[in-house]
N, C-alpha and C. Protein backbone atom coordinates (compact mmCIF):
# COMPACT_ATOMS: atom_id res chain seq x y z
N MET A 1 3.75 33.29 -31.60
CA MET A 1 4.05 33.59 -30.38
C MET A 1 3.00 32.86 -29.51
N LYS A 2 1.91 32.90 -29.85
CA LYS A 2 0.79 32.23 -29.06
C LYS A 2 0.98 30.53 -29.07
N HIS A 3 1.56 30.04 -30.07
CA HIS A 3 1.93 28.69 -30.11
C HIS A 3 3.07 28.44 -29.08
N VAL A 4 4.02 29.22 -28.86
CA VAL A 4 5.13 29.17 -27.98
C VAL A 4 4.70 29.22 -26.49
N ILE A 5 3.66 30.16 -26.18
CA ILE A 5 3.06 30.28 -24.92
C ILE A 5 2.28 28.80 -24.61
N THR A 6 1.58 28.36 -25.65
CA THR A 6 0.66 27.28 -25.47
C THR A 6 1.67 26.08 -25.01
N LEU A 7 2.65 25.88 -25.77
CA LEU A 7 3.66 24.82 -25.80
C LEU A 7 4.35 24.80 -24.56
N SER A 8 4.74 26.20 -24.01
CA SER A 8 5.35 26.40 -22.77
C SER A 8 4.47 25.95 -21.54
N LEU A 9 3.15 26.17 -21.61
CA LEU A 9 2.50 25.89 -20.52
C LEU A 9 2.14 24.46 -20.56
N LEU A 10 2.14 23.78 -21.70
CA LEU A 10 1.99 22.33 -21.92
C LEU A 10 3.21 21.72 -21.27
N ALA A 11 4.25 22.24 -21.43
CA ALA A 11 5.51 21.57 -20.82
C ALA A 11 5.66 21.68 -19.41
N VAL A 12 5.20 22.92 -18.87
CA VAL A 12 5.11 23.15 -17.48
C VAL A 12 4.16 22.11 -16.93
N PHE A 13 2.92 22.01 -17.41
CA PHE A 13 2.01 21.09 -16.94
C PHE A 13 2.60 19.57 -16.90
N VAL A 14 3.00 19.01 -17.95
CA VAL A 14 3.73 17.97 -18.08
C VAL A 14 4.73 17.58 -17.13
N ILE A 15 5.68 18.50 -16.89
CA ILE A 15 6.67 18.28 -15.84
C ILE A 15 6.22 18.34 -14.31
N ALA A 16 4.99 19.22 -14.15
CA ALA A 16 4.61 19.22 -12.85
C ALA A 16 3.65 17.94 -12.60
N ALA A 17 3.01 17.50 -13.51
CA ALA A 17 2.38 16.23 -13.31
C ALA A 17 3.35 14.86 -13.00
N SER A 18 4.45 15.09 -13.75
CA SER A 18 5.44 13.93 -13.50
C SER A 18 5.99 13.86 -12.10
N PHE A 19 5.92 15.09 -11.45
CA PHE A 19 6.51 15.05 -10.05
C PHE A 19 5.31 14.86 -8.94
N THR A 20 4.05 14.65 -9.35
CA THR A 20 2.94 14.42 -8.61
C THR A 20 3.39 13.16 -7.68
N PHE A 21 3.69 12.17 -8.18
CA PHE A 21 4.14 11.00 -7.55
C PHE A 21 5.82 10.42 -7.98
N MET A 22 6.49 10.21 -6.92
CA MET A 22 7.69 9.72 -7.14
C MET A 22 7.41 8.19 -7.49
N PRO A 23 8.31 7.66 -8.40
CA PRO A 23 8.11 6.13 -8.66
C PRO A 23 8.49 5.24 -7.45
N ASN A 24 7.83 4.28 -7.27
CA ASN A 24 8.09 3.38 -6.12
C ASN A 24 9.26 2.55 -6.36
N LYS A 25 10.22 2.72 -5.27
CA LYS A 25 11.49 2.14 -5.38
C LYS A 25 11.26 0.72 -4.72
N PRO A 26 12.13 -0.26 -5.08
CA PRO A 26 12.06 -1.55 -4.58
C PRO A 26 12.15 -1.37 -2.94
N TRP A 27 11.21 -2.42 -2.48
CA TRP A 27 11.16 -2.47 -0.87
C TRP A 27 11.63 -3.66 -0.61
N PRO A 28 12.88 -3.85 -0.20
CA PRO A 28 13.67 -5.34 0.11
C PRO A 28 13.19 -5.36 1.60
N VAL A 29 12.78 -6.88 1.82
CA VAL A 29 12.48 -7.19 3.21
C VAL A 29 13.49 -8.39 3.58
N PRO A 30 13.97 -8.20 4.76
CA PRO A 30 15.08 -9.28 5.06
C PRO A 30 14.47 -10.67 5.18
N ASP A 31 15.23 -11.51 4.52
CA ASP A 31 14.93 -12.94 4.41
C ASP A 31 14.10 -13.55 5.42
N LYS A 32 14.88 -13.58 6.64
CA LYS A 32 14.03 -14.00 8.03
C LYS A 32 12.59 -13.59 8.09
N ASP A 33 12.39 -12.37 7.81
CA ASP A 33 11.06 -11.74 7.84
C ASP A 33 10.02 -12.14 6.74
N ALA A 34 10.65 -12.30 5.54
CA ALA A 34 9.98 -12.49 4.30
C ALA A 34 9.55 -14.04 4.32
N LYS A 35 10.28 -14.97 5.06
CA LYS A 35 10.08 -16.35 5.23
C LYS A 35 9.16 -16.67 6.44
N LYS A 36 8.79 -15.60 7.05
CA LYS A 36 7.93 -15.98 8.25
C LYS A 36 6.71 -16.21 7.84
N ALA A 37 6.18 -17.50 8.49
CA ALA A 37 4.75 -18.10 7.98
C ALA A 37 3.61 -17.30 8.76
N ASN A 38 2.70 -17.32 8.13
CA ASN A 38 1.38 -16.75 8.74
C ASN A 38 0.72 -17.64 9.67
N PRO A 39 0.67 -17.35 10.90
CA PRO A 39 0.18 -18.24 12.01
C PRO A 39 -1.31 -18.29 12.03
N VAL A 40 -2.12 -17.25 11.43
CA VAL A 40 -3.38 -17.03 11.48
C VAL A 40 -4.10 -17.64 10.17
N LYS A 41 -5.04 -18.58 10.77
CA LYS A 41 -5.86 -19.32 9.55
C LYS A 41 -6.57 -18.16 8.88
N THR A 42 -6.88 -18.27 7.41
CA THR A 42 -7.65 -17.61 6.75
C THR A 42 -9.12 -18.06 6.75
N ASP A 43 -9.71 -17.42 7.68
CA ASP A 43 -11.11 -17.82 7.72
C ASP A 43 -11.96 -16.57 7.66
N ALA A 44 -13.34 -16.84 7.76
CA ALA A 44 -14.16 -15.65 7.74
C ALA A 44 -13.79 -14.82 8.92
N ALA A 45 -13.61 -15.16 10.11
CA ALA A 45 -13.49 -14.14 11.32
C ALA A 45 -12.19 -13.36 10.89
N SER A 46 -11.02 -14.14 10.57
CA SER A 46 -9.92 -13.40 10.31
C SER A 46 -9.96 -12.14 9.28
N VAL A 47 -10.68 -12.52 8.12
CA VAL A 47 -10.71 -11.49 7.04
C VAL A 47 -11.68 -10.33 7.52
N SER A 48 -12.63 -10.90 8.34
CA SER A 48 -13.59 -9.86 8.75
C SER A 48 -12.83 -8.80 9.82
N ALA A 49 -11.86 -9.43 10.63
CA ALA A 49 -11.22 -8.57 11.68
C ALA A 49 -10.17 -7.77 10.82
N GLY A 50 -9.50 -8.40 9.76
CA GLY A 50 -8.59 -7.63 8.78
C GLY A 50 -9.30 -6.43 8.01
N LYS A 51 -10.39 -6.65 7.65
CA LYS A 51 -11.33 -5.79 6.82
C LYS A 51 -11.59 -4.50 7.72
N ALA A 52 -12.01 -4.88 9.15
CA ALA A 52 -12.18 -3.68 9.97
C ALA A 52 -10.98 -2.75 10.28
N LEU A 53 -9.73 -3.45 10.32
CA LEU A 53 -8.49 -2.72 10.54
C LEU A 53 -8.17 -2.05 9.22
N TRP A 54 -8.47 -2.57 8.21
CA TRP A 54 -8.31 -1.90 6.85
C TRP A 54 -9.01 -0.75 6.70
N SER A 55 -10.13 -0.71 7.20
CA SER A 55 -11.08 0.60 7.08
C SER A 55 -10.73 1.57 8.00
N GLN A 56 -10.14 1.18 9.08
CA GLN A 56 -9.68 1.94 10.07
C GLN A 56 -8.23 2.82 9.76
N HIS A 57 -7.37 1.97 9.23
CA HIS A 57 -5.94 2.34 9.16
C HIS A 57 -5.44 2.45 7.72
N CYS A 58 -6.10 2.08 6.77
CA CYS A 58 -5.44 1.61 5.47
C CYS A 58 -6.34 2.32 4.27
N SER A 59 -7.52 2.21 4.40
CA SER A 59 -8.20 2.61 3.08
C SER A 59 -8.15 4.26 2.78
N SER A 60 -7.70 5.03 3.73
CA SER A 60 -7.51 6.41 3.35
C SER A 60 -6.60 6.67 2.29
N CYS A 61 -5.40 5.90 2.34
CA CYS A 61 -4.46 5.84 1.30
C CYS A 61 -4.57 5.07 0.15
N HIS A 62 -4.80 3.51 0.59
CA HIS A 62 -4.87 2.53 -0.35
C HIS A 62 -6.09 2.34 -1.07
N GLY A 63 -7.19 3.05 -0.49
CA GLY A 63 -8.55 2.69 -1.14
C GLY A 63 -9.30 1.66 -0.57
N LYS A 64 -10.60 1.71 -0.65
CA LYS A 64 -11.51 0.59 -0.41
C LYS A 64 -11.18 -0.66 -0.80
N ALA A 65 -10.79 -0.80 -2.09
CA ALA A 65 -10.51 -1.99 -2.86
C ALA A 65 -9.02 -2.24 -2.95
N GLY A 66 -8.20 -1.33 -2.41
CA GLY A 66 -6.77 -1.56 -2.33
C GLY A 66 -6.14 -1.16 -3.68
N LEU A 67 -6.58 -0.28 -4.42
CA LEU A 67 -6.06 0.19 -5.61
C LEU A 67 -5.22 1.03 -5.76
N GLY A 68 -4.94 1.81 -4.46
CA GLY A 68 -4.06 2.93 -4.32
C GLY A 68 -4.70 4.34 -4.59
N ASP A 69 -6.08 4.17 -4.46
CA ASP A 69 -6.79 5.48 -4.90
C ASP A 69 -7.61 6.11 -3.53
N GLY A 70 -7.05 5.86 -2.58
CA GLY A 70 -7.64 6.43 -1.18
C GLY A 70 -7.57 8.01 -1.38
N SER A 71 -8.55 8.56 -0.42
CA SER A 71 -8.72 9.90 -0.44
C SER A 71 -7.43 10.90 -0.07
N LYS A 72 -6.39 10.22 0.60
CA LYS A 72 -5.18 10.87 0.90
C LYS A 72 -4.01 10.54 0.09
N ALA A 73 -4.32 9.64 -0.97
CA ALA A 73 -3.36 9.15 -1.81
C ALA A 73 -2.71 10.28 -2.75
N ALA A 74 -3.38 11.23 -3.18
CA ALA A 74 -2.90 12.51 -3.84
C ALA A 74 -1.89 13.26 -3.16
N GLN A 75 -1.90 13.15 -1.78
CA GLN A 75 -1.05 13.99 -0.95
C GLN A 75 0.42 13.30 -0.66
N LEU A 76 0.38 12.26 -1.18
CA LEU A 76 1.81 11.38 -0.90
C LEU A 76 2.63 11.72 -1.86
N LYS A 77 4.02 11.31 -1.52
CA LYS A 77 5.04 11.46 -2.64
C LYS A 77 5.15 10.25 -3.37
N THR A 78 4.73 9.00 -2.89
CA THR A 78 4.75 7.83 -3.78
C THR A 78 3.37 7.36 -3.94
N GLN A 79 3.07 6.74 -5.02
CA GLN A 79 1.69 6.08 -5.23
C GLN A 79 1.48 4.87 -4.43
N PRO A 80 0.64 4.72 -3.76
CA PRO A 80 0.25 3.47 -2.96
C PRO A 80 0.13 2.37 -4.12
N ASP A 81 0.80 1.15 -3.56
CA ASP A 81 0.46 0.01 -4.45
C ASP A 81 -0.80 -0.34 -4.72
N ASP A 82 -1.02 -0.84 -6.03
CA ASP A 82 -2.27 -1.56 -6.38
C ASP A 82 -2.20 -2.92 -6.04
N MET A 83 -2.95 -3.11 -4.72
CA MET A 83 -2.91 -4.62 -4.11
C MET A 83 -3.62 -5.62 -4.97
N SER A 84 -4.31 -5.23 -5.99
CA SER A 84 -5.05 -6.27 -6.71
C SER A 84 -4.08 -6.92 -7.72
N LYS A 85 -2.95 -6.30 -8.10
CA LYS A 85 -1.98 -6.76 -9.02
C LYS A 85 -1.25 -7.95 -8.64
N ALA A 86 -0.93 -8.85 -9.53
CA ALA A 86 0.02 -9.98 -9.20
C ALA A 86 1.13 -9.44 -8.57
N ALA A 87 1.86 -8.33 -8.90
CA ALA A 87 3.09 -8.05 -8.45
C ALA A 87 3.07 -7.86 -6.75
N PHE A 88 1.82 -7.34 -6.31
CA PHE A 88 1.72 -7.42 -4.91
C PHE A 88 1.24 -8.59 -4.34
N GLN A 89 0.24 -9.33 -4.98
CA GLN A 89 -0.34 -10.47 -4.54
C GLN A 89 0.63 -11.70 -4.35
N THR A 90 1.75 -11.72 -5.22
CA THR A 90 2.85 -12.87 -5.11
C THR A 90 3.74 -12.62 -3.99
N GLN A 91 3.63 -11.58 -3.19
CA GLN A 91 4.76 -11.31 -2.18
C GLN A 91 4.31 -12.34 -0.95
N PRO A 92 5.37 -12.85 -0.43
CA PRO A 92 4.98 -13.58 0.79
C PRO A 92 4.32 -12.97 1.91
N ASP A 93 3.47 -13.73 2.63
CA ASP A 93 2.70 -13.00 3.88
C ASP A 93 3.67 -12.35 4.75
N GLY A 94 5.06 -13.11 4.97
CA GLY A 94 5.83 -12.42 5.92
C GLY A 94 6.35 -10.99 5.37
N SER A 95 6.59 -10.98 4.06
CA SER A 95 6.83 -9.59 3.56
C SER A 95 5.84 -8.56 3.88
N LEU A 96 4.50 -8.77 3.57
CA LEU A 96 3.49 -7.99 3.72
C LEU A 96 3.36 -7.64 5.42
N PHE A 97 3.56 -8.56 6.40
CA PHE A 97 3.50 -8.32 7.65
C PHE A 97 4.50 -7.29 8.01
N TYR A 98 5.88 -7.57 7.45
CA TYR A 98 6.93 -6.75 7.69
C TYR A 98 6.88 -5.37 7.30
N LYS A 99 6.12 -5.07 6.03
CA LYS A 99 5.88 -3.74 5.51
C LYS A 99 4.83 -3.01 6.38
N VAL A 100 3.76 -3.79 6.70
CA VAL A 100 2.86 -2.99 7.59
C VAL A 100 3.37 -2.80 8.93
N SER A 101 4.18 -3.57 9.48
CA SER A 101 4.86 -3.22 10.85
C SER A 101 5.83 -2.38 10.74
N GLU A 102 6.77 -2.26 9.89
CA GLU A 102 7.89 -1.49 9.74
C GLU A 102 7.68 -0.05 9.01
N GLY A 103 6.85 -0.16 8.10
CA GLY A 103 6.52 1.07 7.31
C GLY A 103 7.92 1.58 6.47
N ARG A 104 7.78 2.52 5.89
CA ARG A 104 8.97 3.10 5.02
C ARG A 104 8.31 4.37 4.31
N ASP A 105 9.04 5.62 4.39
CA ASP A 105 8.65 6.61 3.62
C ASP A 105 7.21 7.11 3.82
N ASP A 106 6.26 7.15 3.11
CA ASP A 106 4.93 7.60 3.24
C ASP A 106 4.18 6.64 3.99
N MET A 107 4.58 5.33 3.90
CA MET A 107 3.98 4.20 4.62
C MET A 107 4.43 4.27 6.10
N PRO A 108 3.44 4.47 7.10
CA PRO A 108 3.89 4.64 8.33
C PRO A 108 3.92 3.16 8.86
N SER A 109 4.85 3.12 10.09
CA SER A 109 4.94 1.98 10.85
C SER A 109 3.61 1.77 11.61
N PHE A 110 3.26 0.57 11.83
CA PHE A 110 1.85 0.31 12.33
C PHE A 110 2.09 -0.65 13.52
N LYS A 111 3.22 -0.93 14.04
CA LYS A 111 3.42 -1.71 15.23
C LYS A 111 3.02 -1.16 16.45
N LYS A 112 2.92 0.28 16.46
CA LYS A 112 2.33 0.81 17.61
C LYS A 112 0.84 1.00 17.59
N LYS A 113 0.28 1.32 16.49
CA LYS A 113 -1.11 1.41 16.11
C LYS A 113 -1.89 0.13 16.04
N ILE A 114 -1.11 -0.77 15.77
CA ILE A 114 -1.76 -2.37 15.78
C ILE A 114 -0.61 -3.08 16.50
N PRO A 115 -0.60 -3.14 17.67
CA PRO A 115 0.44 -3.80 18.33
C PRO A 115 0.26 -5.28 18.54
N GLU A 116 -0.86 -5.80 18.35
CA GLU A 116 -0.96 -7.35 18.31
C GLU A 116 -0.58 -7.95 16.87
N ALA A 117 0.32 -8.94 17.01
CA ALA A 117 0.77 -9.54 15.72
C ALA A 117 -0.33 -10.14 15.16
N GLU A 118 -1.25 -10.82 15.76
CA GLU A 118 -2.45 -11.29 15.21
C GLU A 118 -3.30 -10.53 14.36
N ASP A 119 -3.52 -9.22 14.92
CA ASP A 119 -4.17 -8.42 14.18
C ASP A 119 -3.51 -7.95 12.85
N ILE A 120 -2.25 -7.88 12.72
CA ILE A 120 -1.49 -7.67 11.50
C ILE A 120 -1.59 -8.84 10.64
N TRP A 121 -1.54 -9.95 11.04
CA TRP A 121 -1.85 -11.28 10.32
C TRP A 121 -3.18 -11.05 9.71
N ASN A 122 -4.17 -10.82 10.56
CA ASN A 122 -5.61 -10.56 9.95
C ASN A 122 -5.56 -9.75 8.67
N LEU A 123 -5.01 -8.60 8.86
CA LEU A 123 -4.77 -7.60 7.89
C LEU A 123 -4.19 -8.05 6.58
N VAL A 124 -3.19 -8.88 6.94
CA VAL A 124 -2.47 -9.62 5.71
C VAL A 124 -3.60 -10.52 5.13
N ASN A 125 -4.34 -11.27 5.68
CA ASN A 125 -5.12 -12.07 5.32
C ASN A 125 -6.41 -11.18 4.38
N TYR A 126 -6.88 -10.26 4.89
CA TYR A 126 -7.72 -9.40 4.24
C TYR A 126 -7.12 -8.89 2.99
N MET A 127 -5.79 -8.42 2.99
CA MET A 127 -5.28 -7.98 1.75
C MET A 127 -5.24 -8.99 0.76
N ARG A 128 -5.06 -10.25 1.13
CA ARG A 128 -5.14 -11.35 -0.10
C ARG A 128 -6.46 -11.46 -0.76
N THR A 129 -7.52 -10.92 -0.24
CA THR A 129 -8.92 -10.88 -0.78
C THR A 129 -8.99 -9.85 -1.87
N LEU A 130 -8.04 -8.82 -1.93
CA LEU A 130 -8.13 -7.61 -2.81
C LEU A 130 -7.68 -7.95 -4.13
N LYS A 131 -7.27 -9.24 -4.46
CA LYS A 131 -6.78 -9.64 -5.82
C LYS A 131 -8.05 -9.62 -6.95
N LYS A 132 -7.62 -9.30 -8.20
CA LYS A 132 -8.70 -9.37 -9.28
C LYS A 132 -9.16 -10.70 -9.56
């Protein structure tokens, strides 16, 4: 009987843990947006501006280093992407700009909080520094 209870508790724990985060579903970006070229030169000023925006708007979910381990990440339905991985870093700049601007599910739209396109491009330039 003791083993049945232990196994039952273990099963409940495993099932509950599996629902902590929903798997990330594909996030298609319209071709016209994905192909949009980044008009902001990646230089120290741009990266610094992007880092400031990151600290203000992104790190609470995505973490300081973009690993998806921010203080609010555990409260989300989907795990934030690990931005240091190739799967993230190989996305075109236009796709990243679109995702920050438009948002989806747990990821809010930032086109009102960061209304200047140049600032979002600075953020994209900073995200490129998060690779391993």
